[in-house]
PDB file of N, CA and C in Angstrom:
ATOM      1  N   MET A   1     -15.410 -12.601 -14.364  1.00  0.00           N
ATOM      2  CA  MET A   1     -15.954 -13.910 -14.597  1.00  0.00           C
ATOM      3  C   MET A   1     -17.371 -14.303 -14.335  1.00  0.00           C
ATOM      4  N   CYS A   2     -18.154 -13.212 -13.440  1.00  0.00           N
ATOM      5  CA  CYS A   2     -19.632 -13.444 -13.748  1.00  0.00           C
ATOM      6  C   CYS A   2     -20.072 -13.048 -14.953  1.00  0.00           C
ATOM      7  N   VAL A   3     -19.847 -12.665 -15.598  1.00  0.00           N
ATOM      8  CA  VAL A   3     -20.239 -12.148 -17.065  1.00  0.00           C
ATOM      9  C   VAL A   3     -19.994 -13.387 -17.893  1.00  0.00           C
ATOM     10  N   LEU A   4     -19.011 -14.005 -17.742  1.00  0.00           N
ATOM     11  CA  LEU A   4     -18.809 -15.285 -18.414  1.00  0.00           C
ATOM     12  C   LEU A   4     -19.684 -16.385 -17.729  1.00  0.00           C
ATOM     13  N   CYS A   5     -19.879 -16.593 -16.437  1.00  0.00           N
ATOM     14  CA  CYS A   5     -20.705 -17.482 -16.019  1.00  0.00           C
ATOM     15  C   CYS A   5     -22.257 -17.217 -16.297  1.00  0.00           C
ATOM     16  N   LEU A   6     -22.551 -15.915 -16.540  1.00  0.00           N
ATOM     17  CA  LEU A   6     -24.090 -15.600 -17.104  1.00  0.00           C
ATOM     18  C   LEU A   6     -24.295 -15.378 -18.882  1.00  0.00           C
ATOM     19  N   SER A   7     -23.125 -15.734 -19.361  1.00  0.00           N
ATOM     20  CA  SER A   7     -23.135 -15.462 -20.980  1.00  0.00           C
ATOM     21  C   SER A   7     -23.893 -16.566 -21.683  1.00  0.00           C
ATOM     22  N   GLY A   8     -23.847 -17.857 -20.955  1.00  0.00           N
ATOM     23  CA  GLY A   8     -24.684 -19.092 -21.339  1.00  0.00           C
ATOM     24  C   GLY A   8     -26.001 -18.800 -21.156  1.00  0.00           C
ATOM     25  N   PRO A   9     -26.852 -18.318 -20.285  1.00  0.00           N
ATOM     26  CA  PRO A   9     -28.303 -18.117 -20.088  1.00  0.00           C
ATOM     27  C   PRO A   9     -28.411 -16.947 -20.893  1.00  0.00           C
ATOM     28  N   ALA A  10     -27.582 -15.849 -20.878  1.00  0.00           N
ATOM     29  CA  ALA A  10     -28.075 -14.902 -21.668  1.00  0.00           C
ATOM     30  C   ALA A  10     -28.338 -15.209 -23.139  1.00  0.00           C
ATOM     31  N   ALA A  11     -27.096 -15.992 -23.734  1.00  0.00           N
ATOM     32  CA  ALA A  11     -27.483 -16.457 -25.060  1.00  0.00           C
ATOM     33  C   ALA A  11     -28.755 -17.317 -25.252  1.00  0.00           C
ATOM     34  N   GLU A  12     -28.977 -18.198 -24.248  1.00  0.00           N
ATOM     35  CA  GLU A  12     -30.051 -19.130 -24.335  1.00  0.00           C
ATOM     36  C   GLU A  12     -31.057 -18.262 -24.412  1.00  0.00           C
ATOM     37  N   GLU A  13     -31.355 -17.011 -23.767  1.00  0.00           N
ATOM     38  CA  GLU A  13     -32.658 -16.355 -24.006  1.00  0.00           C
ATOM     39  C   GLU A  13     -32.639 -15.527 -25.080  1.00  0.00           C
ATOM     40  N   TYR A  14     -31.597 -14.983 -25.561  1.00  0.00           N
ATOM     41  CA  TYR A  14     -31.546 -14.358 -26.920  1.00  0.00           C
ATOM     42  C   TYR A  14     -32.065 -15.462 -27.782  1.00  0.00           C
ATOM     43  N   PHE A  15     -31.403 -16.624 -28.066  1.00  0.00           N
ATOM     44  CA  PHE A  15     -31.515 -17.179 -28.986  1.00  0.00           C
ATOM     45  C   PHE A  15     -33.059 -18.210 -28.999  1.00  0.00           C
ATOM     46  N   CYS A  16     -33.393 -18.405 -27.653  1.00  0.00           N
ATOM     47  CA  CYS A  16     -34.341 -19.367 -27.471  1.00  0.00           C
ATOM     48  C   CYS A  16     -35.814 -18.954 -26.916  1.00  0.00           C
ATOM     49  N   GLY A  17     -35.487 -17.600 -25.991  1.00  0.00           N
ATOM     50  CA  GLY A  17     -36.641 -17.018 -25.095  1.00  0.00           C
ATOM     51  C   GLY A  17     -36.539 -17.314 -23.685  1.00  0.00           C
ATOM     52  N   PRO A  18     -37.195 -17.043 -23.112  1.00  0.00           N
ATOM     53  CA  PRO A  18     -37.064 -16.897 -21.409  1.00  0.00           C
ATOM     54  C   PRO A  18     -36.868 -18.337 -21.205  1.00  0.00           C
ATOM     55  N   ILE A  19     -36.125 -18.400 -19.805  1.00  0.00           N
ATOM     56  CA  ILE A  19     -35.707 -19.628 -19.341  1.00  0.00           C
ATOM     57  C   ILE A  19     -36.542 -19.557 -18.258  1.00  0.00           C
ATOM     58  N   ALA A  20     -37.474 -20.369 -18.083  1.00  0.00           N
ATOM     59  CA  ALA A  20     -38.850 -20.713 -17.398  1.00  0.00           C
ATOM     60  C   ALA A  20     -38.606 -21.979 -16.443  1.00  0.00           C
ATOM     61  N   ASP A  21     -37.420 -22.849 -16.649  1.00  0.00           N
ATOM     62  CA  ASP A  21     -37.854 -24.096 -16.014  1.00  0.00           C
ATOM     63  C   ASP A  21     -36.656 -23.776 -14.761  1.00  0.00           C
ATOM     64  N   GLY A  22     -35.785 -22.655 -14.881  1.00  0.00           N
ATOM     65  CA  GLY A  22     -34.783 -22.599 -13.957  1.00  0.00           C
ATOM     66  C   GLY A  22     -33.196 -23.215 -14.130  1.00  0.00           C
ATOM     67  N   ALA A  23     -33.286 -23.307 -15.683  1.00  0.00           N
ATOM     68  CA  ALA A  23     -31.985 -24.126 -15.997  1.00  0.00           C
ATOM     69  C   ALA A  23     -30.567 -23.112 -15.740  1.00  0.00           C
ATOM     70  N   ASP A  24     -31.235 -21.747 -15.447  1.00  0.00           N
ATOM     71  CA  ASP A  24     -29.706 -21.101 -15.468  1.00  0.00           C
ATOM     72  C   ASP A  24     -29.573 -20.949 -14.033  1.00  0.00           C
ATOM     73  N   ARG A  25     -29.992 -21.618 -12.966  1.00  0.00           N
ATOM     74  CA  ARG A  25     -29.758 -21.453 -11.342  1.00  0.00           C
ATOM     75  C   ARG A  25     -28.421 -21.771 -11.320  1.00  0.00           C
ATOM     76  N   ALA A  26     -27.844 -22.589 -11.747  1.00  0.00           N
ATOM     77  CA  ALA A  26     -26.529 -23.157 -11.629  1.00  0.00           C
ATOM     78  C   ALA A  26     -25.550 -22.095 -11.949  1.00  0.00           C
ATOM     79  N   ASP A  27     -25.969 -21.475 -12.950  1.00  0.00           N
ATOM     80  CA  ASP A  27     -24.910 -20.219 -13.496  1.00  0.00           C
ATOM     81  C   ASP A  27     -25.129 -19.224 -12.567  1.00  0.00           C
ATOM     82  N   ILE A  28     -26.116 -18.815 -12.106  1.00  0.00           N
ATOM     83  CA  ILE A  28     -26.489 -17.575 -11.341  1.00  0.00           C
ATOM     84  C   ILE A  28     -25.621 -17.912  -9.743  1.00  0.00           C
ATOM     85  N   GLU A  29     -25.845 -19.029  -9.566  1.00  0.00           N
ATOM     86  CA  GLU A  29     -25.203 -19.545  -8.114  1.00  0.00           C
ATOM     87  C   GLU A  29     -23.566 -19.529  -8.370  1.00  0.00           C
ATOM     88  N   MET A  30     -22.822 -19.886  -9.563  1.00  0.00           N
ATOM     89  CA  MET A  30     -21.813 -19.937  -9.619  1.00  0.00           C
ATOM     90  C   MET A  30     -21.295 -18.623  -9.503  1.00  0.00           C
ATOM     91  N   ALA A  31     -21.969 -17.637 -10.084  1.00  0.00           N
ATOM     92  CA  ALA A  31     -21.347 -16.186 -10.290  1.00  0.00           C
ATOM     93  C   ALA A  31     -21.749 -15.701  -8.673  1.00  0.00           C
ATOM     94  N   LYS A  32     -22.833 -15.878  -7.892  1.00  0.00           N
ATOM     95  CA  LYS A  32     -22.980 -15.391  -6.497  1.00  0.00           C
ATOM     96  C   LYS A  32     -21.654 -15.741  -5.674  1.00  0.00           C
ATOM     97  N   ARG A  33     -21.387 -17.259  -6.135  1.00  0.00           N
ATOM     98  CA  ARG A  33     -20.384 -17.587  -5.179  1.00  0.00           C
ATOM     99  C   ARG A  33     -18.950 -16.950  -5.436  1.00  0.00           C
ATOM    100  N   TYR A  34     -18.573 -16.679  -6.716  1.00  0.00           N
ATOM    101  CA  TYR A  34     -17.558 -15.584  -7.291  1.00  0.00           C
ATOM    102  C   TYR A  34     -17.699 -14.231  -6.601  1.00  0.00           C
ATOM    103  N   LEU A  35     -18.650 -13.782  -6.546  1.00  0.00           N
ATOM    104  CA  LEU A  35     -18.588 -12.510  -5.965  1.00  0.00           C
ATOM    105  C   LEU A  35     -18.831 -12.441  -4.687  1.00  0.00           C
ATOM    106  N   ALA A  36     -19.143 -13.569  -3.737  1.00  0.00           N
ATOM    107  CA  ALA A  36     -19.304 -13.559  -2.248  1.00  0.00           C
ATOM    108  C   ALA A  36     -17.797 -13.779  -1.693  1.00  0.00           C
ATOM    109  N   ARG A  37     -16.789 -13.834  -2.581  1.00  0.00           N
ATOM    110  CA  ARG A  37     -15.262 -13.917  -1.867  1.00  0.00           C
ATOM    111  C   ARG A  37     -14.913 -12.623  -1.769  1.00  0.00           C
ATOM    112  N   THR A  38     -15.497 -11.278  -2.547  1.00  0.00           N
ATOM    113  CA  THR A  38     -15.049 -10.106  -2.268  1.00  0.00           C
ATOM    114  C   THR A  38     -16.020  -9.029  -2.047  1.00  0.00           C
ATOM    115  N   CYS A  39     -17.401  -9.564  -2.145  1.00  0.00           N
ATOM    116  CA  CYS A  39     -18.751  -8.445  -1.846  1.00  0.00           C
ATOM    117  C   CYS A  39     -19.374  -8.715  -0.625  1.00  0.00           C
ATOM    118  N   ASP A  40     -20.345  -7.762   0.059  1.00  0.00           N
ATOM    119  CA  ASP A  40     -21.335  -8.214   0.754  1.00  0.00           C
ATOM    120  C   ASP A  40     -22.617  -8.588   0.537  1.00  0.00           C
ATOM    121  N   LEU A  41     -23.483  -8.859   0.960  1.00  0.00           N
ATOM    122  CA  LEU A  41     -24.938  -9.558   0.292  1.00  0.00           C
ATOM    123  C   LEU A  41     -25.516  -8.338  -0.671  1.00  0.00           C
ATOM    124  N   VAL A  42     -25.589  -7.143  -0.309  1.00  0.00           N
ATOM    125  CA  VAL A  42     -26.136  -6.063  -1.159  1.00  0.00           C
ATOM    126  C   VAL A  42     -25.464  -5.974  -2.280  1.00  0.00           C
ATOM    127  N   MET A  43     -24.041  -5.767  -2.446  1.00  0.00           N
ATOM    128  CA  MET A  43     -23.191  -6.164  -3.531  1.00  0.00           C
ATOM    129  C   MET A  43     -23.402  -6.981  -4.677  1.00  0.00           C
ATOM    130  N   ILE A  44     -23.679  -8.220  -3.814  1.00  0.00           N
ATOM    131  CA  ILE A  44     -23.519  -9.544  -4.721  1.00  0.00           C
ATOM    132  C   ILE A  44     -25.033  -9.090  -5.872  1.00  0.00           C
ATOM    133  N   GLY A  45     -25.817  -8.667  -5.425  1.00  0.00           N
ATOM    134  CA  GLY A  45     -27.151  -8.372  -6.012  1.00  0.00           C
ATOM    135  C   GLY A  45     -26.960  -7.695  -7.300  1.00  0.00           C
ATOM    136  N   ALA A  46     -26.269  -6.475  -6.671  1.00  0.00           N
ATOM    137  CA  ALA A  46     -26.199  -5.611  -7.810  1.00  0.00           C
ATOM    138  C   ALA A  46     -24.640  -6.247  -8.884  1.00  0.00           C
ATOM    139  N   GLY A  47     -23.951  -6.824  -8.277  1.00  0.00           N
ATOM    140  CA  GLY A  47     -22.817  -7.106  -9.249  1.00  0.00           C
ATOM    141  C   GLY A  47     -23.615  -8.378 -10.397  1.00  0.00           C
ATOM    142  N   ILE A  48     -24.558  -8.925  -9.509  1.00  0.00           N
ATOM    143  CA  ILE A  48     -25.275  -9.926 -10.872  1.00  0.00           C
ATOM    144  C   ILE A  48     -25.977  -9.315 -11.650  1.00  0.00           C
ATOM    145  N   ARG A  49     -27.076  -8.271 -11.158  1.00  0.00           N
ATOM    146  CA  ARG A  49     -27.172  -7.301 -12.137  1.00  0.00           C
ATOM    147  C   ARG A  49     -26.560  -6.671 -13.373  1.00  0.00           C
ATOM    148  N   GLN A  50     -25.032  -6.039 -12.773  1.00  0.00           N
ATOM    149  CA  GLN A  50     -24.259  -5.411 -13.799  1.00  0.00           C
ATOM    150  C   GLN A  50     -23.899  -6.739 -14.797  1.00  0.00           C
ATOM    151  N   ALA A  51     -23.562  -8.034 -13.772  1.00  0.00           N
ATOM    152  CA  ALA A  51     -22.905  -8.920 -14.960  1.00  0.00           C
ATOM    153  C   ALA A  51     -23.900  -9.375 -15.716  1.00  0.00           C
ATOM    154  N   ARG A  52     -25.039  -9.326 -15.587  1.00  0.00           N
ATOM    155  CA  ARG A  52     -26.262 -10.123 -16.557  1.00  0.00           C
ATOM    156  C   ARG A  52     -26.258  -9.318 -17.580  1.00  0.00           C
ATOM    157  N   ASP A  53     -26.242  -7.942 -17.381  1.00  0.00           N
ATOM    158  CA  ASP A  53     -26.523  -6.399 -18.441  1.00  0.00           C
ATOM    159  C   ASP A  53     -25.354  -6.743 -19.247  1.00  0.00           C
ATOM    160  N   ALA A  54     -24.006  -7.009 -18.599  1.00  0.00           N
ATOM    161  CA  ALA A  54     -22.959  -6.918 -19.370  1.00  0.00           C
ATOM    162  C   ALA A  54     -22.821  -8.410 -20.658  1.00  0.00           C
ATOM    163  N   ALA A  55     -23.602  -9.549 -19.895  1.00  0.00           N
ATOM    164  CA  ALA A  55     -23.519 -10.722 -20.503  1.00  0.00           C
ATOM    165  C   ALA A  55     -24.879 -10.354 -21.906  1.00  0.00           C
ATOM    166  N   ASP A  56     -25.924  -9.853 -21.520  1.00  0.00           N
ATOM    167  CA  ASP A  56     -26.785  -9.751 -22.375  1.00  0.00           C
ATOM    168  C   ASP A  56     -26.540  -8.635 -23.581  1.00  0.00           C
ATOM    169  N   ARG A  57     -25.627  -7.766 -23.499  1.00  0.00           N
ATOM    170  CA  ARG A  57     -24.974  -6.792 -24.357  1.00  0.00           C
ATOM    171  C   ARG A  57     -23.940  -7.751 -25.040  1.00  0.00           C
ATOM    172  N   LEU A  58     -23.102  -8.490 -24.459  1.00  0.00           N
ATOM    173  CA  LEU A  58     -21.947  -9.588 -25.217  1.00  0.00           C
ATOM    174  C   LEU A  58     -22.629 -10.293 -26.024  1.00  0.00           C
ATOM    175  N   VAL A  59     -23.633 -11.003 -25.902  1.00  0.00           N
ATOM    176  CA  VAL A  59     -24.293 -12.097 -26.841  1.00  0.00           C
ATOM    177  C   VAL A  59     -24.975 -11.563 -27.892  1.00  0.00           C
ATOM    178  N   ARG A  60     -25.451 -10.230 -27.624  1.00  0.00           N
ATOM    179  CA  ARG A  60     -26.308  -9.381 -28.808  1.00  0.00           C
ATOM    180  C   ARG A  60     -25.018  -8.898 -30.128  1.00  0.00           C
ATOM    181  N   THR A  61     -23.613  -8.884 -29.721  1.00  0.00           N
ATOM    182  CA  THR A  61     -22.820  -8.182 -30.732  1.00  0.00           C
ATOM    183  C   THR A  61     -22.819  -9.074 -31.737  1.00  0.00           C
ATOM    184  N   LEU A  62     -22.664  -8.761 -33.091  1.00  0.00           N
ATOM    185  CA  LEU A  62     -22.787  -9.391 -34.338  1.00  0.00           C
ATOM    186  C   LEU A  62     -21.463 -10.280 -34.215  1.00  0.00           C
ATOM    187  N   SER A  63     -20.293 -10.151 -34.114  1.00  0.00           N
ATOM    188  CA  SER A  63     -19.196 -11.263 -34.109  1.00  0.00           C
ATOM    189  C   SER A  63     -19.926 -12.342 -33.055  1.00  0.00           C
ATOM    190  N   VAL A  64     -20.037 -11.919 -32.075  1.00  0.00           N
ATOM    191  CA  VAL A  64     -20.302 -13.152 -30.492  1.00  0.00           C
ATOM    192  C   VAL A  64     -21.628 -13.820 -31.446  1.00  0.00           C
ATOM    193  N   ARG A  65     -22.514 -13.476 -31.693  1.00  0.00           N
ATOM    194  CA  ARG A  65     -23.666 -14.073 -32.317  1.00  0.00           C
ATOM    195  C   ARG A  65     -23.383 -14.729 -33.250  1.00  0.00           C
ATOM    196  N   ASP A  66     -22.498 -14.481 -34.209  1.00  0.00           N
ATOM    197  CA  ASP A  66     -21.962 -15.685 -35.402  1.00  0.00           C
ATOM    198  C   ASP A  66     -21.436 -16.841 -34.316  1.00  0.00           C
ATOM    199  N   GLN A  67     -20.305 -16.510 -33.477  1.00  0.00           N
ATOM    200  CA  GLN A  67     -19.673 -17.607 -32.786  1.00  0.00           C
ATOM    201  C   GLN A  67     -20.818 -18.084 -32.024  1.00  0.00           C
ATOM    202  N   ILE A  68     -21.769 -17.936 -31.513  1.00  0.00           N
ATOM    203  CA  ILE A  68     -22.671 -18.869 -30.591  1.00  0.00           C
ATOM    204  C   ILE A  68     -23.409 -19.714 -31.881  1.00  0.00           C
ATOM    205  N   ARG A  69     -23.845 -19.073 -32.908  1.00  0.00           N
ATOM    206  CA  ARG A  69     -24.436 -19.911 -34.145  1.00  0.00           C
ATOM    207  C   ARG A  69     -23.502 -21.018 -34.231  1.00  0.00           C
ATOM    208  N   ARG A  70     -22.442 -21.089 -34.516  1.00  0.00           N
ATOM    209  CA  ARG A  70     -21.151 -21.981 -35.116  1.00  0.00           C
ATOM    210  C   ARG A  70     -21.308 -22.992 -33.865  1.00  0.00           C
ATOM    211  N   ILE A  71     -21.189 -22.650 -32.601  1.00  0.00           N
ATOM    212  CA  ILE A  71     -20.846 -23.235 -31.530  1.00  0.00           C
ATOM    213  C   ILE A  71     -22.096 -24.336 -31.086  1.00  0.00           C
ATOM    214  N   ALA A  72     -23.255 -23.591 -31.159  1.00  0.00           N
ATOM    215  CA  ALA A  72     -24.633 -24.074 -31.087  1.00  0.00           C
ATOM    216  C   ALA A  72     -24.795 -25.666 -32.047  1.00  0.00           C
ATOM    217  N   ALA A  73     -24.536 -25.248 -33.302  1.00  0.00           N
ATOM    218  CA  ALA A  73     -24.609 -26.228 -34.348  1.00  0.00           C
ATOM    219  C   ALA A  73     -23.485 -27.068 -33.920  1.00  0.00           C
ATOM    220  N   ALA A  74     -22.579 -26.686 -34.040  1.00  0.00           N
ATOM    221  CA  ALA A  74     -21.501 -28.208 -33.629  1.00  0.00           C
ATOM    222  C   ALA A  74     -21.728 -28.698 -32.415  1.00  0.00           C
ATOM    223  N   LEU A  75     -22.570 -28.241 -31.262  1.00  0.00           N
ATOM    224  CA  LEU A  75     -23.043 -28.857 -30.385  1.00  0.00           C
ATOM    225  C   LEU A  75     -23.884 -29.821 -30.660  1.00  0.00           C
ATOM    226  N   LEU A  76     -24.994 -29.293 -31.365  1.00  0.00           N
ATOM    227  CA  LEU A  76     -26.156 -30.180 -32.031  1.00  0.00           C
ATOM    228  C   LEU A  76     -25.612 -31.255 -32.526  1.00  0.00           C
ATOM    229  N   GLU A  77     -24.865 -31.237 -33.205  1.00  0.00           N
ATOM    230  CA  GLU A  77     -23.996 -32.089 -34.024  1.00  0.00           C
ATOM    231  C   GLU A  77     -23.485 -33.238 -33.401  1.00  0.00           C
ATOM    232  N   HIS A  78     -22.340 -32.949 -32.389  1.00  0.00           N
ATOM    233  CA  HIS A  78     -21.588 -33.526 -31.591  1.00  0.00           C
ATOM    234  C   HIS A  78     -21.836 -33.831 -30.562  1.00  0.00           C
ATOM    235  N   GLY A  79     -22.787 -33.277 -29.804  1.00  0.00           N
ATOM    236  CA  GLY A  79     -23.139 -33.472 -28.364  1.00  0.00           C
ATOM    237  C   GLY A  79     -22.231 -32.733 -27.160  1.00  0.00           C
ATOM    238  N   SER A  80     -21.010 -32.902 -27.705  1.00  0.00           N
ATOM    239  CA  SER A  80     -20.298 -32.068 -26.683  1.00  0.00           C
ATOM    240  C   SER A  80     -18.782 -31.578 -27.394  1.00  0.00           C
ATOM    241  N   LEU A  81     -18.066 -30.889 -27.043  1.00  0.00           N
ATOM    242  CA  LEU A  81     -17.347 -30.051 -27.541  1.00  0.00           C
ATOM    243  C   LEU A  81     -16.002 -29.791 -26.599  1.00  0.00           C
ATOM    244  N   THR A  82     -14.655 -30.198 -26.847  1.00  0.00           N
ATOM    245  CA  THR A  82     -13.454 -29.737 -26.067  1.00  0.00           C
ATOM    246  C   THR A  82     -13.143 -28.422 -26.386  1.00  0.00           C
ATOM    247  N   GLY A  83     -12.551 -27.850 -25.408  1.00  0.00           N
ATOM    248  CA  GLY A  83     -11.684 -26.314 -25.555  1.00  0.00           C
ATOM    249  C   GLY A  83     -11.127 -26.276 -27.330  1.00  0.00           C
ATOM    250  N   GLU A  84     -10.492 -27.020 -27.547  1.00  0.00           N
ATOM    251  CA  GLU A  84      -9.669 -27.113 -28.534  1.00  0.00           C
ATOM    252  C   GLU A  84     -10.906 -27.281 -29.976  1.00  0.00           C
ATOM    253  N   GLU A  85     -11.655 -28.073 -29.511  1.00  0.00           N
ATOM    254  CA  GLU A  85     -12.868 -28.002 -30.951  1.00  0.00           C
ATOM    255  C   GLU A  85     -13.545 -26.767 -31.031  1.00  0.00           C
ATOM    256  N   ILE A  86     -14.017 -25.870 -29.817  1.00  0.00           N
ATOM    257  CA  ILE A  86     -14.547 -24.689 -30.004  1.00  0.00           C
ATOM    258  C   ILE A  86     -13.702 -23.583 -30.183  1.00  0.00           C
ATOM    259  N   ALA A  87     -12.267 -23.869 -29.994  1.00  0.00           N
ATOM    260  CA  ALA A  87     -11.357 -22.645 -30.914  1.00  0.00           C
ATOM    261  C   ALA A  87     -11.199 -22.995 -32.169  1.00  0.00           C
ATOM    262  N   ALA A  88     -11.313 -24.104 -32.661  1.00  0.00           N
ATOM    263  CA  ALA A  88     -11.081 -24.481 -33.900  1.00  0.00           C
ATOM    264  C   ALA A  88     -12.432 -23.961 -34.523  1.00  0.00           C
ATOM    265  N   LEU A  89     -13.442 -23.596 -34.052  1.00  0.00           N
ATOM    266  CA  LEU A  89     -14.694 -23.146 -34.586  1.00  0.00           C
ATOM    267  C   LEU A  89     -14.655 -21.602 -34.951  1.00  0.00           C
ATOM    268  N   GLY A  90     -13.497 -20.895 -34.248  1.00  0.00           N
ATOM    269  CA  GLY A  90     -13.192 -19.551 -34.442  1.00  0.00           C
ATOM    270  C   GLY A  90     -13.484 -18.573 -33.057  1.00  0.00           C
ATOM    271  N   ALA A  91     -13.633 -19.330 -32.288  1.00  0.00           N
ATOM    272  CA  ALA A  91     -13.893 -18.529 -30.584  1.00  0.00           C
ATOM    273  C   ALA A  91     -12.834 -17.630 -30.409  1.00  0.00           C
ATOM    274  N   PRO A  92     -12.594 -16.754 -30.001  1.00  0.00           N
ATOM    275  CA  PRO A  92     -11.340 -16.287 -29.583  1.00  0.00           C
ATOM    276  C   PRO A  92     -10.870 -16.562 -27.989  1.00  0.00           C
ATOM    277  N   LYS A  93      -9.564 -16.559 -28.034  1.00  0.00           N
ATOM    278  CA  LYS A  93      -9.287 -16.961 -26.853  1.00  0.00           C
ATOM    279  C   LYS A  93      -9.624 -16.128 -25.580  1.00  0.00           C
ATOM    280  N   CYS A  94      -9.702 -16.470 -24.672  1.00  0.00           N
ATOM    281  CA  CYS A  94     -10.396 -15.361 -23.474  1.00  0.00           C
ATOM    282  C   CYS A  94      -9.014 -14.999 -22.552  1.00  0.00           C
ATOM    283  N   PHE A  95      -7.819 -16.016 -22.631  1.00  0.00           N
ATOM    284  CA  PHE A  95      -6.686 -15.254 -22.033  1.00  0.00           C
ATOM    285  C   PHE A  95      -5.188 -16.151 -22.544  1.00  0.00           C
TER     286      PHE A  95
END
């Protein structure tokens, strides 16, 4: 779940460069809240680092990069997408 939370900022950084305006803050906080359910404060920091590393690796894989490009183009064209519209773009089902 934490990797999912941090994949958006990881993709933004990969395709657009560093996030300097704090736009990733909400995603990081969501990941921290998820980890706080089962981890102590020290483990939350380690969990965030591991999840961020995994998200960075994920968005750099060839198939995911192509999916991100398709989703980004559709978002630019339409402004927002439903889950069904994202699935129609060829994104894999998460579960």
